[in-house]
Amino acid sequence: MRIESRHNGPAGSGNGGWSAGIFATEAGGTGPVEVTLRRPPPLETELSLVDGEVRDPAGELVAEVRPAGTVDAVVPPVDLETAVAAAARYPGLVEHPFPGCYVCGPQRPDGLRIFPGRLPNGRTAAPFRAPEEVSEATVWAALDCPGGWTVLAPGRPYLLGRIAAVVAALPKPGDECVVTGELLGVEGRKALVHTSLYGPDGALLGAARATWIAR
């Protein structure tokens, strides 16, 4: 496995959702998968998965992968017009801890450009146009940042620590999708969030629950 440099999150490391999706795909299986990131995934590095542990060439533990049981963390959908209006209020357009993030960074014209803005009920929503190349890692990535932006605020950066996801179906290239996020609660430095991805017809494509850790 290798996380390409263009799939970065914070500078110098892989986007958490994309990396977790790569690890989950490598693990195989048919059910939901949970990935715990033990350190920022390194870029352009050959990683191996053995007995549920992702390690770098030096043997350092990068992540742990295991079956997740049931993932029923479904956030209600909104229509595309509502998601577009929310994205116009995306706080990351003004201040972003990782502006070069492949998923939500405004400085990445080649990224997924998912800009989650707040809804009146406190949830987040954003439109998402599926890229030309779509994989399970694409869905995992789309399910990542919209959850983080339910708790991210100026001067309060968080990083993905753990994510469990289920992918029901892949969007087709060019599909206009909607992704939603919801904050379940904050305990100390940990924030528990849920995210869901919906296709153009409103079908649920994927759902995730995740723990984000304050830096």
N, C-alpha and C. Protein backbone atom coordinates (compact mmCIF):
# COMPACT_ATOMS: atom_id res chain seq x y z
N MET A 1 0.85 -1.20 0.00
CA MET A 1 0.00 0.00 0.00
C MET A 1 0.88 1.24 0.00
N ARG A 2 0.38 2.27 -0.66
CA ARG A 2 1.12 3.53 -0.70
C ARG A 2 0.11 4.67 -0.76
N ILE A 3 0.28 5.66 0.11
CA ILE A 3 -0.55 6.87 0.09
C ILE A 3 0.18 7.89 -0.76
N GLU A 4 -0.39 8.19 -1.92
CA GLU A 4 0.26 9.15 -2.82
C GLU A 4 0.24 10.55 -2.20
N SER A 5 1.25 11.33 -2.57
CA SER A 5 1.40 12.66 -1.96
C SER A 5 0.21 13.56 -2.22
N ARG A 6 -0.51 13.35 -3.34
CA ARG A 6 -1.65 14.22 -3.63
C ARG A 6 -2.84 13.94 -2.71
N HIS A 7 -2.82 12.81 -2.01
CA HIS A 7 -3.90 12.46 -1.10
C HIS A 7 -3.55 12.85 0.34
N ASN A 8 -2.98 14.02 0.49
CA ASN A 8 -2.55 14.46 1.81
C ASN A 8 -3.70 15.08 2.60
N GLY A 9 -3.50 15.14 3.90
CA GLY A 9 -4.37 15.90 4.80
C GLY A 9 -3.54 17.07 5.30
N PRO A 10 -3.11 17.04 6.57
CA PRO A 10 -2.09 17.99 7.01
C PRO A 10 -0.83 17.81 6.16
N ALA A 11 -0.10 18.87 5.97
CA ALA A 11 1.10 18.81 5.14
C ALA A 11 2.03 17.68 5.59
N GLY A 12 2.42 16.84 4.65
CA GLY A 12 3.38 15.79 4.93
C GLY A 12 2.79 14.47 5.37
N SER A 13 1.46 14.38 5.47
CA SER A 13 0.85 13.12 5.87
C SER A 13 -0.44 12.90 5.09
N GLY A 14 -0.90 11.66 5.06
CA GLY A 14 -2.08 11.31 4.29
C GLY A 14 -3.36 11.81 4.91
N ASN A 15 -4.34 12.14 4.08
CA ASN A 15 -5.66 12.45 4.58
C ASN A 15 -6.17 11.23 5.36
N GLY A 16 -6.74 11.48 6.53
CA GLY A 16 -7.13 10.38 7.39
C GLY A 16 -8.17 9.47 6.77
N GLY A 17 -9.21 10.04 6.17
CA GLY A 17 -10.26 9.24 5.57
C GLY A 17 -9.77 8.45 4.38
N TRP A 18 -9.02 9.09 3.50
CA TRP A 18 -8.48 8.39 2.33
C TRP A 18 -7.57 7.25 2.77
N SER A 19 -6.67 7.53 3.71
CA SER A 19 -5.74 6.51 4.18
C SER A 19 -6.48 5.35 4.80
N ALA A 20 -7.47 5.66 5.65
CA ALA A 20 -8.26 4.60 6.28
C ALA A 20 -8.97 3.76 5.23
N GLY A 21 -9.46 4.40 4.17
CA GLY A 21 -10.11 3.66 3.10
C GLY A 21 -9.16 2.72 2.38
N ILE A 22 -7.94 3.17 2.16
CA ILE A 22 -6.92 2.31 1.54
C ILE A 22 -6.65 1.10 2.43
N PHE A 23 -6.51 1.36 3.72
CA PHE A 23 -6.22 0.26 4.66
C PHE A 23 -7.40 -0.71 4.73
N ALA A 24 -8.62 -0.17 4.77
CA ALA A 24 -9.81 -1.02 4.84
C ALA A 24 -9.94 -1.88 3.58
N THR A 25 -9.68 -1.29 2.43
CA THR A 25 -9.75 -2.03 1.17
C THR A 25 -8.73 -3.16 1.15
N GLU A 26 -7.53 -2.87 1.63
CA GLU A 26 -6.48 -3.89 1.67
C GLU A 26 -6.88 -5.03 2.60
N ALA A 27 -7.58 -4.71 3.68
CA ALA A 27 -8.00 -5.74 4.63
C ALA A 27 -9.04 -6.67 4.04
N GLY A 28 -9.79 -6.20 3.04
CA GLY A 28 -10.80 -7.03 2.42
C GLY A 28 -11.99 -7.25 3.34
N GLY A 29 -12.71 -8.32 3.11
CA GLY A 29 -13.90 -8.59 3.90
C GLY A 29 -15.12 -7.92 3.30
N THR A 30 -16.28 -8.22 3.86
CA THR A 30 -17.53 -7.72 3.31
C THR A 30 -18.26 -6.77 4.24
N GLY A 31 -17.92 -6.74 5.50
CA GLY A 31 -18.65 -5.92 6.47
C GLY A 31 -17.98 -4.60 6.74
N PRO A 32 -18.59 -3.80 7.63
CA PRO A 32 -17.98 -2.53 8.02
C PRO A 32 -16.60 -2.74 8.65
N VAL A 33 -15.74 -1.77 8.49
CA VAL A 33 -14.36 -1.84 8.98
C VAL A 33 -14.08 -0.61 9.84
N GLU A 34 -13.32 -0.82 10.91
CA GLU A 34 -12.88 0.29 11.75
C GLU A 34 -11.36 0.43 11.65
N VAL A 35 -10.90 1.65 11.45
CA VAL A 35 -9.48 1.94 11.34
C VAL A 35 -9.10 2.95 12.42
N THR A 36 -8.10 2.61 13.20
CA THR A 36 -7.55 3.51 14.21
C THR A 36 -6.18 3.98 13.75
N LEU A 37 -6.03 5.27 13.58
CA LEU A 37 -4.75 5.83 13.16
C LEU A 37 -3.87 6.05 14.38
N ARG A 38 -2.73 5.39 14.40
CA ARG A 38 -1.83 5.52 15.55
C ARG A 38 -0.81 6.64 15.36
N ARG A 39 -0.59 7.04 14.13
CA ARG A 39 0.23 8.22 13.82
C ARG A 39 -0.16 8.70 12.43
N PRO A 40 0.20 9.93 12.07
CA PRO A 40 -0.16 10.42 10.74
C PRO A 40 0.37 9.49 9.65
N PRO A 41 -0.48 9.05 8.73
CA PRO A 41 -0.02 8.14 7.68
C PRO A 41 1.05 8.79 6.81
N PRO A 42 2.19 8.15 6.65
CA PRO A 42 3.25 8.74 5.83
C PRO A 42 2.92 8.67 4.35
N LEU A 43 3.41 9.63 3.60
CA LEU A 43 3.18 9.69 2.16
C LEU A 43 4.30 8.98 1.41
N GLU A 44 3.94 8.46 0.23
CA GLU A 44 4.92 7.84 -0.68
C GLU A 44 5.82 6.85 0.04
N THR A 45 5.21 6.03 0.86
CA THR A 45 5.94 5.03 1.66
C THR A 45 5.23 3.69 1.52
N GLU A 46 5.98 2.64 1.26
CA GLU A 46 5.38 1.31 1.17
C GLU A 46 4.96 0.85 2.57
N LEU A 47 3.67 0.60 2.73
CA LEU A 47 3.12 0.16 4.00
C LEU A 47 2.61 -1.26 3.85
N SER A 48 2.67 -2.02 4.93
CA SER A 48 2.22 -3.40 4.90
C SER A 48 1.12 -3.60 5.95
N LEU A 49 0.20 -4.51 5.65
CA LEU A 49 -0.87 -4.86 6.57
C LEU A 49 -0.74 -6.33 6.93
N VAL A 50 -0.45 -6.59 8.19
CA VAL A 50 -0.30 -7.96 8.68
C VAL A 50 -1.05 -8.09 10.00
N ASP A 51 -1.96 -9.05 10.06
CA ASP A 51 -2.73 -9.31 11.29
C ASP A 51 -3.40 -8.05 11.83
N GLY A 52 -3.95 -7.25 10.90
CA GLY A 52 -4.69 -6.07 11.30
C GLY A 52 -3.84 -4.88 11.67
N GLU A 53 -2.54 -4.95 11.46
CA GLU A 53 -1.66 -3.83 11.79
C GLU A 53 -0.98 -3.29 10.53
N VAL A 54 -1.08 -1.99 10.32
CA VAL A 54 -0.40 -1.32 9.21
C VAL A 54 0.92 -0.79 9.74
N ARG A 55 2.00 -1.19 9.09
CA ARG A 55 3.33 -0.76 9.55
C ARG A 55 4.14 -0.22 8.39
N ASP A 56 5.08 0.68 8.71
CA ASP A 56 5.98 1.23 7.70
C ASP A 56 7.19 0.31 7.56
N PRO A 57 8.12 0.62 6.64
CA PRO A 57 9.26 -0.28 6.42
C PRO A 57 10.14 -0.46 7.66
N ALA A 58 10.11 0.50 8.58
CA ALA A 58 10.91 0.37 9.81
C ALA A 58 10.18 -0.42 10.88
N GLY A 59 8.96 -0.83 10.59
CA GLY A 59 8.19 -1.60 11.56
C GLY A 59 7.35 -0.77 12.50
N GLU A 60 7.33 0.55 12.28
CA GLU A 60 6.54 1.42 13.15
C GLU A 60 5.05 1.26 12.84
N LEU A 61 4.25 1.20 13.90
CA LEU A 61 2.81 1.04 13.75
C LEU A 61 2.18 2.33 13.24
N VAL A 62 1.43 2.23 12.15
CA VAL A 62 0.75 3.38 11.56
C VAL A 62 -0.74 3.35 11.89
N ALA A 63 -1.36 2.17 11.79
CA ALA A 63 -2.80 2.06 12.01
C ALA A 63 -3.17 0.63 12.37
N GLU A 64 -4.35 0.50 12.95
CA GLU A 64 -4.92 -0.81 13.26
C GLU A 64 -6.25 -0.94 12.55
N VAL A 65 -6.52 -2.10 11.98
CA VAL A 65 -7.73 -2.34 11.19
C VAL A 65 -8.45 -3.55 11.76
N ARG A 66 -9.76 -3.42 11.97
CA ARG A 66 -10.52 -4.55 12.49
C ARG A 66 -11.98 -4.45 12.04
N PRO A 67 -12.72 -5.55 12.09
CA PRO A 67 -14.15 -5.48 11.77
C PRO A 67 -14.86 -4.54 12.73
N ALA A 68 -15.86 -3.83 12.21
CA ALA A 68 -16.51 -2.79 13.01
C ALA A 68 -17.87 -3.19 13.54
N GLY A 69 -18.36 -4.38 13.19
CA GLY A 69 -19.72 -4.71 13.59
C GLY A 69 -20.71 -3.88 12.77
N THR A 70 -21.71 -3.34 13.43
CA THR A 70 -22.72 -2.55 12.74
C THR A 70 -22.38 -1.07 12.77
N VAL A 71 -22.48 -0.42 11.63
CA VAL A 71 -22.33 1.03 11.55
C VAL A 71 -23.69 1.60 11.15
N ASP A 72 -24.41 2.11 12.14
CA ASP A 72 -25.75 2.67 11.89
C ASP A 72 -25.76 4.18 12.11
N ALA A 73 -24.61 4.80 11.89
CA ALA A 73 -24.43 6.23 12.14
C ALA A 73 -24.92 7.04 10.94
N VAL A 74 -26.23 7.05 10.71
CA VAL A 74 -26.78 7.72 9.55
C VAL A 74 -27.24 9.13 9.91
N VAL A 75 -26.70 10.12 9.20
CA VAL A 75 -27.10 11.52 9.36
C VAL A 75 -28.15 11.82 8.29
N PRO A 76 -29.28 12.42 8.65
CA PRO A 76 -30.33 12.67 7.66
C PRO A 76 -29.81 13.49 6.47
N PRO A 77 -30.37 13.24 5.29
CA PRO A 77 -29.93 13.98 4.10
C PRO A 77 -30.56 15.36 4.02
N VAL A 78 -29.99 16.17 3.15
CA VAL A 78 -30.61 17.44 2.74
C VAL A 78 -30.57 17.48 1.22
N ASP A 79 -31.36 18.35 0.63
CA ASP A 79 -31.34 18.42 -0.83
C ASP A 79 -30.09 19.17 -1.30
N LEU A 80 -29.81 19.04 -2.58
CA LEU A 80 -28.59 19.62 -3.14
C LEU A 80 -28.56 21.13 -2.96
N GLU A 81 -29.67 21.79 -3.14
CA GLU A 81 -29.73 23.25 -3.00
C GLU A 81 -29.34 23.68 -1.59
N THR A 82 -29.82 22.96 -0.59
CA THR A 82 -29.47 23.27 0.80
C THR A 82 -27.99 23.04 1.05
N ALA A 83 -27.45 21.97 0.48
CA ALA A 83 -26.02 21.68 0.66
C ALA A 83 -25.16 22.74 0.01
N VAL A 84 -25.55 23.21 -1.17
CA VAL A 84 -24.81 24.27 -1.86
C VAL A 84 -24.82 25.55 -1.03
N ALA A 85 -25.96 25.88 -0.46
CA ALA A 85 -26.06 27.09 0.38
C ALA A 85 -25.19 26.95 1.62
N ALA A 86 -25.14 25.75 2.21
CA ALA A 86 -24.30 25.54 3.39
C ALA A 86 -22.83 25.68 3.03
N ALA A 87 -22.43 25.15 1.87
CA ALA A 87 -21.03 25.22 1.46
C ALA A 87 -20.56 26.66 1.28
N ALA A 88 -21.47 27.55 0.91
CA ALA A 88 -21.11 28.96 0.77
C ALA A 88 -20.71 29.57 2.11
N ARG A 89 -21.14 28.93 3.21
CA ARG A 89 -20.80 29.41 4.55
C ARG A 89 -19.66 28.59 5.17
N TYR A 90 -18.97 27.83 4.37
CA TYR A 90 -17.88 26.98 4.86
C TYR A 90 -16.81 27.81 5.54
N PRO A 91 -16.57 27.61 6.84
CA PRO A 91 -15.59 28.44 7.55
C PRO A 91 -14.16 28.25 7.06
N GLY A 92 -13.89 27.10 6.43
CA GLY A 92 -12.55 26.85 5.92
C GLY A 92 -12.14 27.74 4.78
N LEU A 93 -13.10 28.42 4.17
CA LEU A 93 -12.76 29.38 3.11
C LEU A 93 -12.09 30.62 3.69
N VAL A 94 -12.32 30.87 4.98
CA VAL A 94 -11.76 32.04 5.65
C VAL A 94 -10.53 31.66 6.48
N GLU A 95 -10.67 30.59 7.23
CA GLU A 95 -9.56 30.12 8.07
C GLU A 95 -9.58 28.60 8.10
N HIS A 96 -8.47 27.98 7.71
CA HIS A 96 -8.40 26.53 7.59
C HIS A 96 -7.08 26.05 8.18
N PRO A 97 -7.13 25.07 9.12
CA PRO A 97 -5.87 24.60 9.70
C PRO A 97 -5.00 23.84 8.71
N PHE A 98 -5.62 23.25 7.67
CA PHE A 98 -4.88 22.47 6.68
C PHE A 98 -5.40 22.83 5.29
N PRO A 99 -5.11 24.02 4.79
CA PRO A 99 -5.73 24.48 3.54
C PRO A 99 -5.36 23.66 2.31
N GLY A 100 -4.33 22.82 2.42
CA GLY A 100 -3.95 21.98 1.29
C GLY A 100 -4.53 20.58 1.36
N CYS A 101 -5.50 20.34 2.25
CA CYS A 101 -6.10 19.02 2.41
C CYS A 101 -6.76 18.58 1.11
N TYR A 102 -6.51 17.33 0.73
CA TYR A 102 -7.07 16.78 -0.52
C TYR A 102 -8.59 16.80 -0.52
N VAL A 103 -9.22 16.63 0.62
CA VAL A 103 -10.67 16.53 0.69
C VAL A 103 -11.34 17.89 0.80
N CYS A 104 -10.90 18.70 1.76
CA CYS A 104 -11.64 19.93 2.08
C CYS A 104 -10.81 21.19 1.96
N GLY A 105 -9.61 21.10 1.41
CA GLY A 105 -8.74 22.26 1.34
C GLY A 105 -9.08 23.20 0.20
N PRO A 106 -9.30 24.49 0.49
CA PRO A 106 -9.62 25.45 -0.58
C PRO A 106 -8.46 25.72 -1.52
N GLN A 107 -7.25 25.33 -1.12
CA GLN A 107 -6.09 25.53 -1.97
C GLN A 107 -5.83 24.35 -2.90
N ARG A 108 -6.77 23.41 -2.99
CA ARG A 108 -6.57 22.22 -3.82
C ARG A 108 -7.60 22.16 -4.95
N PRO A 109 -7.32 22.84 -6.06
CA PRO A 109 -8.24 22.74 -7.19
C PRO A 109 -8.34 21.33 -7.74
N ASP A 110 -7.36 20.47 -7.43
CA ASP A 110 -7.36 19.09 -7.89
C ASP A 110 -7.90 18.13 -6.84
N GLY A 111 -8.41 18.67 -5.74
CA GLY A 111 -8.92 17.81 -4.67
C GLY A 111 -10.40 17.53 -4.82
N LEU A 112 -10.99 16.95 -3.78
CA LEU A 112 -12.41 16.63 -3.81
C LEU A 112 -13.27 17.87 -3.58
N ARG A 113 -12.72 18.89 -2.98
CA ARG A 113 -13.39 20.18 -2.79
C ARG A 113 -14.75 20.01 -2.11
N ILE A 114 -14.72 19.30 -1.00
CA ILE A 114 -15.90 19.16 -0.15
C ILE A 114 -15.81 20.24 0.93
N PHE A 115 -16.74 21.19 0.89
CA PHE A 115 -16.69 22.35 1.77
C PHE A 115 -17.90 22.33 2.71
N PRO A 116 -17.80 21.65 3.86
CA PRO A 116 -18.96 21.49 4.73
C PRO A 116 -19.27 22.77 5.53
N GLY A 117 -20.46 23.28 5.31
CA GLY A 117 -20.92 24.45 6.05
C GLY A 117 -21.99 24.04 7.05
N ARG A 118 -22.21 24.89 8.05
CA ARG A 118 -23.18 24.58 9.09
C ARG A 118 -24.61 24.82 8.62
N LEU A 119 -25.49 23.92 9.02
CA LEU A 119 -26.92 24.08 8.86
C LEU A 119 -27.49 24.72 10.12
N PRO A 120 -28.71 25.25 10.08
CA PRO A 120 -29.29 25.86 11.29
C PRO A 120 -29.36 24.91 12.48
N ASN A 121 -29.47 23.60 12.23
CA ASN A 121 -29.54 22.63 13.34
C ASN A 121 -28.18 22.20 13.86
N GLY A 122 -27.10 22.81 13.36
CA GLY A 122 -25.76 22.50 13.83
C GLY A 122 -25.05 21.42 13.06
N ARG A 123 -25.78 20.69 12.23
CA ARG A 123 -25.12 19.70 11.38
C ARG A 123 -24.36 20.40 10.26
N THR A 124 -23.58 19.63 9.51
CA THR A 124 -22.89 20.17 8.34
C THR A 124 -23.43 19.50 7.09
N ALA A 125 -23.28 20.19 5.97
CA ALA A 125 -23.67 19.62 4.67
C ALA A 125 -22.81 20.25 3.60
N ALA A 126 -22.60 19.48 2.54
CA ALA A 126 -21.83 19.97 1.40
C ALA A 126 -22.18 19.17 0.16
N PRO A 127 -22.15 19.81 -1.00
CA PRO A 127 -22.24 19.05 -2.25
C PRO A 127 -20.91 18.38 -2.54
N PHE A 128 -20.97 17.31 -3.28
CA PHE A 128 -19.76 16.56 -3.64
C PHE A 128 -19.94 15.98 -5.02
N ARG A 129 -19.14 16.46 -5.96
CA ARG A 129 -19.16 15.91 -7.31
C ARG A 129 -18.10 14.81 -7.39
N ALA A 130 -18.55 13.60 -7.65
CA ALA A 130 -17.63 12.46 -7.70
C ALA A 130 -16.59 12.67 -8.81
N PRO A 131 -15.31 12.40 -8.52
CA PRO A 131 -14.27 12.59 -9.53
C PRO A 131 -14.32 11.52 -10.61
N GLU A 132 -13.45 11.66 -11.59
CA GLU A 132 -13.43 10.70 -12.70
C GLU A 132 -13.03 9.30 -12.24
N GLU A 133 -12.15 9.23 -11.26
CA GLU A 133 -11.75 7.94 -10.71
C GLU A 133 -12.37 7.80 -9.32
N VAL A 134 -13.22 6.81 -9.15
CA VAL A 134 -13.93 6.61 -7.89
C VAL A 134 -13.59 5.23 -7.34
N SER A 135 -13.24 5.18 -6.06
CA SER A 135 -12.95 3.92 -5.38
C SER A 135 -13.58 3.96 -3.99
N GLU A 136 -13.46 2.87 -3.26
CA GLU A 136 -13.97 2.88 -1.89
C GLU A 136 -13.23 3.92 -1.05
N ALA A 137 -11.95 4.14 -1.34
CA ALA A 137 -11.20 5.16 -0.61
C ALA A 137 -11.79 6.55 -0.84
N THR A 138 -12.36 6.78 -2.02
CA THR A 138 -13.00 8.06 -2.31
C THR A 138 -14.18 8.28 -1.37
N VAL A 139 -14.98 7.23 -1.15
CA VAL A 139 -16.12 7.35 -0.25
C VAL A 139 -15.65 7.56 1.18
N TRP A 140 -14.64 6.82 1.61
CA TRP A 140 -14.10 7.02 2.96
C TRP A 140 -13.60 8.46 3.13
N ALA A 141 -12.95 8.99 2.12
CA ALA A 141 -12.45 10.37 2.20
C ALA A 141 -13.61 11.36 2.31
N ALA A 142 -14.66 11.12 1.50
CA ALA A 142 -15.81 12.01 1.54
C ALA A 142 -16.51 11.97 2.89
N LEU A 143 -16.42 10.84 3.59
CA LEU A 143 -17.04 10.69 4.90
C LEU A 143 -16.17 11.22 6.03
N ASP A 144 -15.01 11.71 5.72
CA ASP A 144 -14.05 12.14 6.74
C ASP A 144 -14.27 13.58 7.20
N CYS A 145 -13.87 14.52 6.39
CA CYS A 145 -13.82 15.93 6.81
C CYS A 145 -15.17 16.55 7.20
N PRO A 146 -16.29 16.19 6.56
CA PRO A 146 -17.56 16.78 6.99
C PRO A 146 -17.90 16.50 8.45
N GLY A 147 -17.36 15.41 9.00
CA GLY A 147 -17.53 15.17 10.43
C GLY A 147 -16.64 16.07 11.25
N GLY A 148 -15.40 16.23 10.82
CA GLY A 148 -14.48 17.09 11.55
C GLY A 148 -14.96 18.53 11.64
N TRP A 149 -15.61 19.00 10.57
CA TRP A 149 -16.05 20.40 10.55
C TRP A 149 -17.29 20.64 11.41
N THR A 150 -17.83 19.60 12.05
CA THR A 150 -18.87 19.84 13.04
C THR A 150 -18.27 20.34 14.36
N VAL A 151 -16.96 20.16 14.52
CA VAL A 151 -16.32 20.56 15.77
C VAL A 151 -15.15 21.50 15.55
N LEU A 152 -14.57 21.50 14.37
CA LEU A 152 -13.45 22.42 14.07
C LEU A 152 -13.89 23.87 14.21
N ALA A 153 -13.02 24.69 14.75
CA ALA A 153 -13.29 26.11 14.89
C ALA A 153 -11.96 26.85 14.86
N PRO A 154 -11.96 28.16 14.58
CA PRO A 154 -10.70 28.90 14.56
C PRO A 154 -9.91 28.70 15.85
N GLY A 155 -8.66 28.33 15.69
CA GLY A 155 -7.79 28.12 16.84
C GLY A 155 -8.02 26.80 17.55
N ARG A 156 -8.87 25.92 16.98
CA ARG A 156 -9.16 24.64 17.62
C ARG A 156 -9.08 23.52 16.58
N PRO A 157 -7.87 23.16 16.16
CA PRO A 157 -7.73 22.10 15.16
C PRO A 157 -7.93 20.71 15.77
N TYR A 158 -8.51 19.84 14.99
CA TYR A 158 -8.69 18.44 15.35
C TYR A 158 -8.12 17.57 14.23
N LEU A 159 -7.76 16.33 14.59
CA LEU A 159 -7.32 15.35 13.61
C LEU A 159 -8.11 14.06 13.79
N LEU A 160 -8.33 13.36 12.70
CA LEU A 160 -9.03 12.09 12.76
C LEU A 160 -8.21 11.07 13.55
N GLY A 161 -8.86 10.42 14.50
CA GLY A 161 -8.19 9.38 15.28
C GLY A 161 -8.68 7.99 14.94
N ARG A 162 -9.99 7.86 14.74
CA ARG A 162 -10.58 6.56 14.45
C ARG A 162 -11.82 6.76 13.60
N ILE A 163 -12.03 5.85 12.64
CA ILE A 163 -13.21 5.92 11.79
C ILE A 163 -13.67 4.51 11.45
N ALA A 164 -14.96 4.29 11.57
CA ALA A 164 -15.58 3.04 11.15
C ALA A 164 -16.60 3.39 10.08
N ALA A 165 -16.55 2.70 8.96
CA ALA A 165 -17.41 3.07 7.84
C ALA A 165 -17.96 1.84 7.14
N VAL A 166 -19.09 2.06 6.49
CA VAL A 166 -19.66 1.06 5.61
C VAL A 166 -19.95 1.74 4.27
N VAL A 167 -19.56 1.10 3.19
CA VAL A 167 -19.78 1.63 1.84
C VAL A 167 -20.84 0.76 1.18
N ALA A 168 -22.01 1.35 0.93
CA ALA A 168 -23.11 0.60 0.32
C ALA A 168 -22.98 0.55 -1.20
N ALA A 169 -22.49 1.63 -1.78
CA ALA A 169 -22.32 1.71 -3.24
C ALA A 169 -21.40 2.87 -3.56
N LEU A 170 -20.78 2.80 -4.73
CA LEU A 170 -19.91 3.88 -5.18
C LEU A 170 -20.71 4.84 -6.07
N PRO A 171 -20.46 6.15 -5.94
CA PRO A 171 -21.06 7.07 -6.90
C PRO A 171 -20.42 6.89 -8.26
N LYS A 172 -21.13 7.28 -9.29
CA LYS A 172 -20.57 7.26 -10.63
C LYS A 172 -19.78 8.55 -10.86
N PRO A 173 -18.75 8.50 -11.68
CA PRO A 173 -17.99 9.73 -11.98
C PRO A 173 -18.94 10.85 -12.44
N GLY A 174 -18.79 12.01 -11.83
CA GLY A 174 -19.61 13.16 -12.18
C GLY A 174 -20.91 13.26 -11.41
N ASP A 175 -21.27 12.26 -10.62
CA ASP A 175 -22.50 12.33 -9.84
C ASP A 175 -22.47 13.51 -8.87
N GLU A 176 -23.57 14.21 -8.76
CA GLU A 176 -23.71 15.30 -7.79
C GLU A 176 -24.30 14.71 -6.51
N CYS A 177 -23.45 14.52 -5.53
CA CYS A 177 -23.83 13.90 -4.27
C CYS A 177 -23.94 14.94 -3.16
N VAL A 178 -24.42 14.50 -2.02
CA VAL A 178 -24.50 15.35 -0.84
C VAL A 178 -23.94 14.57 0.34
N VAL A 179 -23.12 15.23 1.14
CA VAL A 179 -22.57 14.61 2.34
C VAL A 179 -23.00 15.44 3.55
N THR A 180 -23.37 14.75 4.63
CA THR A 180 -23.83 15.42 5.84
C THR A 180 -23.02 14.95 7.04
N GLY A 181 -22.88 15.81 8.04
CA GLY A 181 -22.15 15.47 9.25
C GLY A 181 -22.89 15.93 10.49
N GLU A 182 -22.63 15.24 11.61
CA GLU A 182 -23.31 15.57 12.86
C GLU A 182 -22.37 15.31 14.03
N LEU A 183 -22.33 16.25 14.97
CA LEU A 183 -21.54 16.09 16.19
C LEU A 183 -22.41 15.42 17.26
N LEU A 184 -21.92 14.29 17.77
CA LEU A 184 -22.65 13.57 18.82
C LEU A 184 -22.29 14.08 20.21
N GLY A 185 -21.04 14.48 20.40
CA GLY A 185 -20.63 14.96 21.71
C GLY A 185 -19.12 15.12 21.79
N VAL A 186 -18.69 15.86 22.80
CA VAL A 186 -17.26 16.11 23.04
C VAL A 186 -16.95 15.69 24.47
N GLU A 187 -15.88 14.90 24.62
CA GLU A 187 -15.42 14.48 25.94
C GLU A 187 -13.92 14.72 26.02
N GLY A 188 -13.54 15.75 26.76
CA GLY A 188 -12.13 16.10 26.82
C GLY A 188 -11.62 16.52 25.46
N ARG A 189 -10.59 15.84 24.98
CA ARG A 189 -10.02 16.16 23.68
C ARG A 189 -10.68 15.39 22.55
N LYS A 190 -11.65 14.52 22.86
CA LYS A 190 -12.25 13.66 21.85
C LYS A 190 -13.63 14.17 21.44
N ALA A 191 -13.88 14.13 20.14
CA ALA A 191 -15.20 14.48 19.60
C ALA A 191 -15.71 13.30 18.79
N LEU A 192 -16.95 12.87 19.07
CA LEU A 192 -17.58 11.78 18.34
C LEU A 192 -18.50 12.36 17.29
N VAL A 193 -18.31 11.95 16.03
CA VAL A 193 -19.10 12.50 14.93
C VAL A 193 -19.64 11.37 14.04
N HIS A 194 -20.70 11.68 13.32
CA HIS A 194 -21.26 10.79 12.32
C HIS A 194 -21.29 11.52 10.98
N THR A 195 -21.17 10.77 9.89
CA THR A 195 -21.28 11.35 8.54
C THR A 195 -22.02 10.38 7.62
N SER A 196 -22.66 10.92 6.60
CA SER A 196 -23.34 10.10 5.60
C SER A 196 -23.17 10.71 4.23
N LEU A 197 -23.11 9.85 3.22
CA LEU A 197 -22.97 10.29 1.82
C LEU A 197 -24.17 9.78 1.04
N TYR A 198 -24.82 10.68 0.29
CA TYR A 198 -26.01 10.35 -0.48
C TYR A 198 -25.78 10.61 -1.97
N GLY A 199 -26.32 9.72 -2.80
CA GLY A 199 -26.21 9.87 -4.24
C GLY A 199 -27.23 10.85 -4.79
N PRO A 200 -27.19 11.10 -6.10
CA PRO A 200 -28.11 12.06 -6.73
C PRO A 200 -29.58 11.71 -6.54
N ASP A 201 -29.87 10.42 -6.39
CA ASP A 201 -31.25 9.99 -6.21
C ASP A 201 -31.65 9.89 -4.74
N GLY A 202 -30.77 10.33 -3.85
CA GLY A 202 -31.06 10.29 -2.42
C GLY A 202 -30.70 8.99 -1.75
N ALA A 203 -30.16 8.03 -2.49
CA ALA A 203 -29.78 6.75 -1.90
C ALA A 203 -28.55 6.92 -1.02
N LEU A 204 -28.53 6.21 0.11
CA LEU A 204 -27.39 6.25 1.02
C LEU A 204 -26.24 5.44 0.43
N LEU A 205 -25.11 6.12 0.16
CA LEU A 205 -23.95 5.44 -0.42
C LEU A 205 -22.96 4.97 0.64
N GLY A 206 -22.90 5.68 1.76
CA GLY A 206 -21.97 5.30 2.81
C GLY A 206 -22.25 6.05 4.09
N ALA A 207 -21.82 5.48 5.20
CA ALA A 207 -22.00 6.11 6.51
C ALA A 207 -20.79 5.79 7.38
N ALA A 208 -20.50 6.68 8.31
CA ALA A 208 -19.34 6.49 9.17
C ALA A 208 -19.57 7.09 10.54
N ARG A 209 -18.91 6.51 11.51
CA ARG A 209 -18.78 7.14 12.82
C ARG A 209 -17.29 7.33 13.06
N ALA A 210 -16.93 8.40 13.70
CA ALA A 210 -15.50 8.72 13.83
C ALA A 210 -15.23 9.45 15.14
N THR A 211 -14.00 9.30 15.57
CA THR A 211 -13.50 10.06 16.73
C THR A 211 -12.40 10.99 16.25
N TRP A 212 -12.57 12.26 16.53
CA TRP A 212 -11.56 13.26 16.21
C TRP A 212 -10.89 13.71 17.50
N ILE A 213 -9.58 13.98 17.41
CA ILE A 213 -8.79 14.32 18.59
C ILE A 213 -8.25 15.73 18.46
N ALA A 214 -8.48 16.57 19.48
CA ALA A 214 -7.95 17.92 19.47
C ALA A 214 -6.43 17.88 19.54
N ARG A 215 -5.79 18.71 18.79
CA ARG A 215 -4.32 18.76 18.78
C ARG A 215 -3.82 19.47 20.01
